[in-house]
């Protein structure tokens, strides 16, 4: 019985590893400086105005399919960056203002059809001063 439990745990660990967002796990494993450099590259490749990411924080991990990071750039621009588990998908970058507007729109649409609000991200993380 004990051996069966160990085999089940090992099987679950293997399945979790294969479904996990390895792209995001690699990003998390980096030093803060290297992570900010990688996120700067993602934002710039998306054609957004960001001289250098100076702050980053993971704000959600949606069912291990995509992680969303909130980033602030040296030039004071702020973005949400989605890092997908599928390595074939490029990170998606949206300004924090647009993300907030999207969250409001989704909330309005969900309330209009009497559905509970399911939008996992409505705003980027903001540091309170």
C-alpha atoms as a PDB file:
ATOM      1  CA  UNK A   1       0.000   0.000   0.000  1.00  0.00           C
ATOM      2  CA  UNK A   2       2.818   2.390   0.887  1.00  0.00           C
ATOM      3  CA  UNK A   3       4.525   1.644  -2.422  1.00  0.00           C
ATOM      4  CA  UNK A   4       1.280   2.391  -4.311  1.00  0.00           C
ATOM      5  CA  UNK A   5       0.999   5.777  -2.577  1.00  0.00           C
ATOM      6  CA  UNK A   6       4.582   6.631  -3.540  1.00  0.00           C
ATOM      7  CA  UNK A   7       3.921   5.639  -7.164  1.00  0.00           C
ATOM      8  CA  UNK A   8       0.775   7.785  -7.267  1.00  0.00           C
ATOM      9  CA  UNK A   9       2.677  10.779  -5.856  1.00  0.00           C
ATOM     10  CA  UNK A  10       5.462  10.295  -8.388  1.00  0.00           C
ATOM     11  CA  UNK A  11       2.913  10.034 -11.199  1.00  0.00           C
ATOM     12  CA  UNK A  12       1.182  13.236 -10.090  1.00  0.00           C
ATOM     13  CA  UNK A  13       4.518  15.055  -9.856  1.00  0.00           C
ATOM     14  CA  UNK A  14       5.375  13.951 -13.403  1.00  0.00           C
ATOM     15  CA  UNK A  15       2.015  15.119 -14.749  1.00  0.00           C
ATOM     16  CA  UNK A  16       2.329  18.450 -12.950  1.00  0.00           C
ATOM     17  CA  UNK A  17       5.780  18.999 -14.436  1.00  0.00           C
ATOM     18  CA  UNK A  18       4.595  18.354 -17.957  1.00  0.00           C
ATOM     19  CA  UNK A  19       1.627  20.724 -17.624  1.00  0.00           C
ATOM     20  CA  UNK A  20       3.524  23.496 -15.846  1.00  0.00           C
ATOM     21  CA  UNK A  21       4.401  26.771 -17.506  1.00  0.00           C
ATOM     22  CA  UNK A  22       8.100  26.085 -18.032  1.00  0.00           C
ATOM     23  CA  UNK A  23       8.595  29.448 -19.754  1.00  0.00           C
ATOM     24  CA  UNK A  24       7.411  31.206 -16.615  1.00  0.00           C
ATOM     25  CA  UNK A  25       9.345  28.880 -14.297  1.00  0.00           C
ATOM     26  CA  UNK A  26      12.553  29.849 -16.090  1.00  0.00           C
ATOM     27  CA  UNK A  27      11.650  33.525 -15.699  1.00  0.00           C
ATOM     28  CA  UNK A  28      10.966  33.087 -11.971  1.00  0.00           C
ATOM     29  CA  UNK A  29      14.300  31.286 -11.511  1.00  0.00           C
ATOM     30  CA  UNK A  30      16.283  34.262 -12.843  1.00  0.00           C
ATOM     31  CA  UNK A  31      17.755  36.939 -10.608  1.00  0.00           C
ATOM     32  CA  UNK A  32      15.634  40.098 -10.406  1.00  0.00           C
ATOM     33  CA  UNK A  33      18.083  41.927 -12.665  1.00  0.00           C
ATOM     34  CA  UNK A  34      18.096  39.192 -15.310  1.00  0.00           C
ATOM     35  CA  UNK A  35      14.287  38.800 -15.112  1.00  0.00           C
ATOM     36  CA  UNK A  36      13.865  42.541 -15.691  1.00  0.00           C
ATOM     37  CA  UNK A  37      16.214  42.341 -18.693  1.00  0.00           C
ATOM     38  CA  UNK A  38      14.188  39.451 -20.146  1.00  0.00           C
ATOM     39  CA  UNK A  39      10.911  41.302 -19.565  1.00  0.00           C
ATOM     40  CA  UNK A  40      12.407  44.453 -21.158  1.00  0.00           C
ATOM     41  CA  UNK A  41      13.171  42.367 -24.232  1.00  0.00           C
ATOM     42  CA  UNK A  42       9.601  40.986 -24.337  1.00  0.00           C
ATOM     43  CA  UNK A  43       8.079  44.470 -24.043  1.00  0.00           C
ATOM     44  CA  UNK A  44      10.365  45.982 -26.687  1.00  0.00           C
ATOM     45  CA  UNK A  45       9.806  43.092 -29.147  1.00  0.00           C
ATOM     46  CA  UNK A  46       6.075  43.771 -28.798  1.00  0.00           C
ATOM     47  CA  UNK A  47       6.766  47.296 -30.075  1.00  0.00           C
ATOM     48  CA  UNK A  48       5.999  49.014 -26.770  1.00  0.00           C
ATOM     49  CA  UNK A  49       7.866  52.035 -25.379  1.00  0.00           C
ATOM     50  CA  UNK A  50      10.075  50.777 -22.542  1.00  0.00           C
ATOM     51  CA  UNK A  51      13.672  51.809 -22.045  1.00  0.00           C
ATOM     52  CA  UNK A  52      14.289  49.293 -19.225  1.00  0.00           C
ATOM     53  CA  UNK A  53      12.096  47.345 -16.804  1.00  0.00           C
ATOM     54  CA  UNK A  54      12.950  48.485 -13.279  1.00  0.00           C
ATOM     55  CA  UNK A  55      10.226  46.620 -11.380  1.00  0.00           C
ATOM     56  CA  UNK A  56       8.427  43.378 -12.076  1.00  0.00           C
ATOM     57  CA  UNK A  57       5.988  41.228 -10.196  1.00  0.00           C
ATOM     58  CA  UNK A  58       4.004  38.176 -11.192  1.00  0.00           C
ATOM     59  CA  UNK A  59       0.350  39.017 -10.612  1.00  0.00           C
ATOM     60  CA  UNK A  60      -1.347  35.791 -11.721  1.00  0.00           C
ATOM     61  CA  UNK A  61      -0.776  32.326 -13.112  1.00  0.00           C
ATOM     62  CA  UNK A  62      -3.882  31.223 -15.006  1.00  0.00           C
ATOM     63  CA  UNK A  63      -4.226  27.442 -14.841  1.00  0.00           C
ATOM     64  CA  UNK A  64      -0.554  27.068 -15.720  1.00  0.00           C
ATOM     65  CA  UNK A  65      -1.307  28.161 -19.304  1.00  0.00           C
ATOM     66  CA  UNK A  66      -0.221  31.768 -18.921  1.00  0.00           C
ATOM     67  CA  UNK A  67       1.403  33.841 -16.227  1.00  0.00           C
ATOM     68  CA  UNK A  68       0.865  37.591 -16.131  1.00  0.00           C
ATOM     69  CA  UNK A  69       3.585  39.957 -14.948  1.00  0.00           C
ATOM     70  CA  UNK A  70       3.164  43.600 -14.048  1.00  0.00           C
ATOM     71  CA  UNK A  71       6.199  45.646 -15.088  1.00  0.00           C
ATOM     72  CA  UNK A  72       7.246  49.264 -14.741  1.00  0.00           C
ATOM     73  CA  UNK A  73       9.796  50.828 -17.018  1.00  0.00           C
ATOM     74  CA  UNK A  74      12.410  53.456 -16.258  1.00  0.00           C
ATOM     75  CA  UNK A  75      10.456  55.889 -18.472  1.00  0.00           C
ATOM     76  CA  UNK A  76       7.415  55.356 -16.155  1.00  0.00           C
ATOM     77  CA  UNK A  77       5.423  53.277 -18.679  1.00  0.00           C
ATOM     78  CA  UNK A  78       3.626  50.285 -17.144  1.00  0.00           C
ATOM     79  CA  UNK A  79       2.613  47.044 -18.840  1.00  0.00           C
ATOM     80  CA  UNK A  80       1.118  43.641 -18.213  1.00  0.00           C
ATOM     81  CA  UNK A  81       3.127  40.872 -19.875  1.00  0.00           C
ATOM     82  CA  UNK A  82       1.565  37.436 -20.451  1.00  0.00           C
ATOM     83  CA  UNK A  83       4.053  34.560 -20.577  1.00  0.00           C
ATOM     84  CA  UNK A  84       2.449  31.496 -22.156  1.00  0.00           C
ATOM     85  CA  UNK A  85       3.206  27.858 -21.368  1.00  0.00           C
ATOM     86  CA  UNK A  86       3.231  27.154 -25.113  1.00  0.00           C
ATOM     87  CA  UNK A  87       6.760  28.106 -26.188  1.00  0.00           C
ATOM     88  CA  UNK A  88       5.424  28.775 -29.694  1.00  0.00           C
ATOM     89  CA  UNK A  89       3.416  31.749 -28.437  1.00  0.00           C
ATOM     90  CA  UNK A  90       5.121  35.105 -28.010  1.00  0.00           C
ATOM     91  CA  UNK A  91       4.518  37.058 -24.782  1.00  0.00           C
ATOM     92  CA  UNK A  92       1.517  39.365 -25.055  1.00  0.00           C
ATOM     93  CA  UNK A  93       2.071  42.941 -23.827  1.00  0.00           C
ATOM     94  CA  UNK A  94      -0.664  45.447 -22.985  1.00  0.00           C
ATOM     95  CA  UNK A  95      -0.468  48.784 -21.213  1.00  0.00           C
ATOM     96  CA  UNK A  96      -1.782  48.803 -17.657  1.00  0.00           C
ATOM     97  CA  UNK A  97      -4.363  51.445 -18.600  1.00  0.00           C
ATOM     98  CA  UNK A  98      -5.687  49.268 -21.422  1.00  0.00           C
ATOM     99  CA  UNK A  99      -5.740  46.248 -19.112  1.00  0.00           C
ATOM    100  CA  UNK A 100      -7.772  48.169 -16.546  1.00  0.00           C
ATOM    101  CA  UNK A 101     -10.238  49.233 -19.270  1.00  0.00           C
ATOM    102  CA  UNK A 102     -10.468  45.618 -20.472  1.00  0.00           C
ATOM    103  CA  UNK A 103     -11.210  44.466 -16.910  1.00  0.00           C
ATOM    104  CA  UNK A 104     -13.999  47.036 -16.632  1.00  0.00           C
ATOM    105  CA  UNK A 105     -15.467  45.972 -19.988  1.00  0.00           C
ATOM    106  CA  UNK A 106     -15.382  42.276 -19.036  1.00  0.00           C
ATOM    107  CA  UNK A 107     -17.052  43.095 -15.713  1.00  0.00           C
ATOM    108  CA  UNK A 108     -19.817  45.022 -17.478  1.00  0.00           C
ATOM    109  CA  UNK A 109     -20.359  42.215 -19.989  1.00  0.00           C
ATOM    110  CA  UNK A 110     -20.395  39.519 -17.290  1.00  0.00           C
ATOM    111  CA  UNK A 111     -22.893  41.486 -15.167  1.00  0.00           C
ATOM    112  CA  UNK A 112     -25.083  42.086 -18.230  1.00  0.00           C
ATOM    113  CA  UNK A 113     -25.554  38.341 -18.714  1.00  0.00           C
ATOM    114  CA  UNK A 114     -25.892  37.717 -14.955  1.00  0.00           C
ATOM    115  CA  UNK A 115     -22.635  35.820 -14.844  1.00  0.00           C
ATOM    116  CA  UNK A 116     -20.179  36.072 -11.939  1.00  0.00           C
ATOM    117  CA  UNK A 117     -17.109  38.116 -12.793  1.00  0.00           C
ATOM    118  CA  UNK A 118     -14.389  35.679 -13.855  1.00  0.00           C
ATOM    119  CA  UNK A 119     -11.773  38.063 -15.246  1.00  0.00           C
ATOM    120  CA  UNK A 120      -8.638  37.093 -13.272  1.00  0.00           C
ATOM    121  CA  UNK A 121      -6.703  40.287 -14.009  1.00  0.00           C
ATOM    122  CA  UNK A 122      -8.296  43.698 -14.044  1.00  0.00           C
ATOM    123  CA  UNK A 123      -5.317  45.876 -13.133  1.00  0.00           C
ATOM    124  CA  UNK A 124      -1.565  45.844 -12.921  1.00  0.00           C
ATOM    125  CA  UNK A 125       0.008  45.883  -9.516  1.00  0.00           C
ATOM    126  CA  UNK A 126       0.581  49.388  -8.226  1.00  0.00           C
ATOM    127  CA  UNK A 127       3.049  50.227  -5.488  1.00  0.00           C
ATOM    128  CA  UNK A 128       1.510  52.404  -2.806  1.00  0.00           C
ATOM    129  CA  UNK A 129       3.751  55.272  -1.720  1.00  0.00           C
END
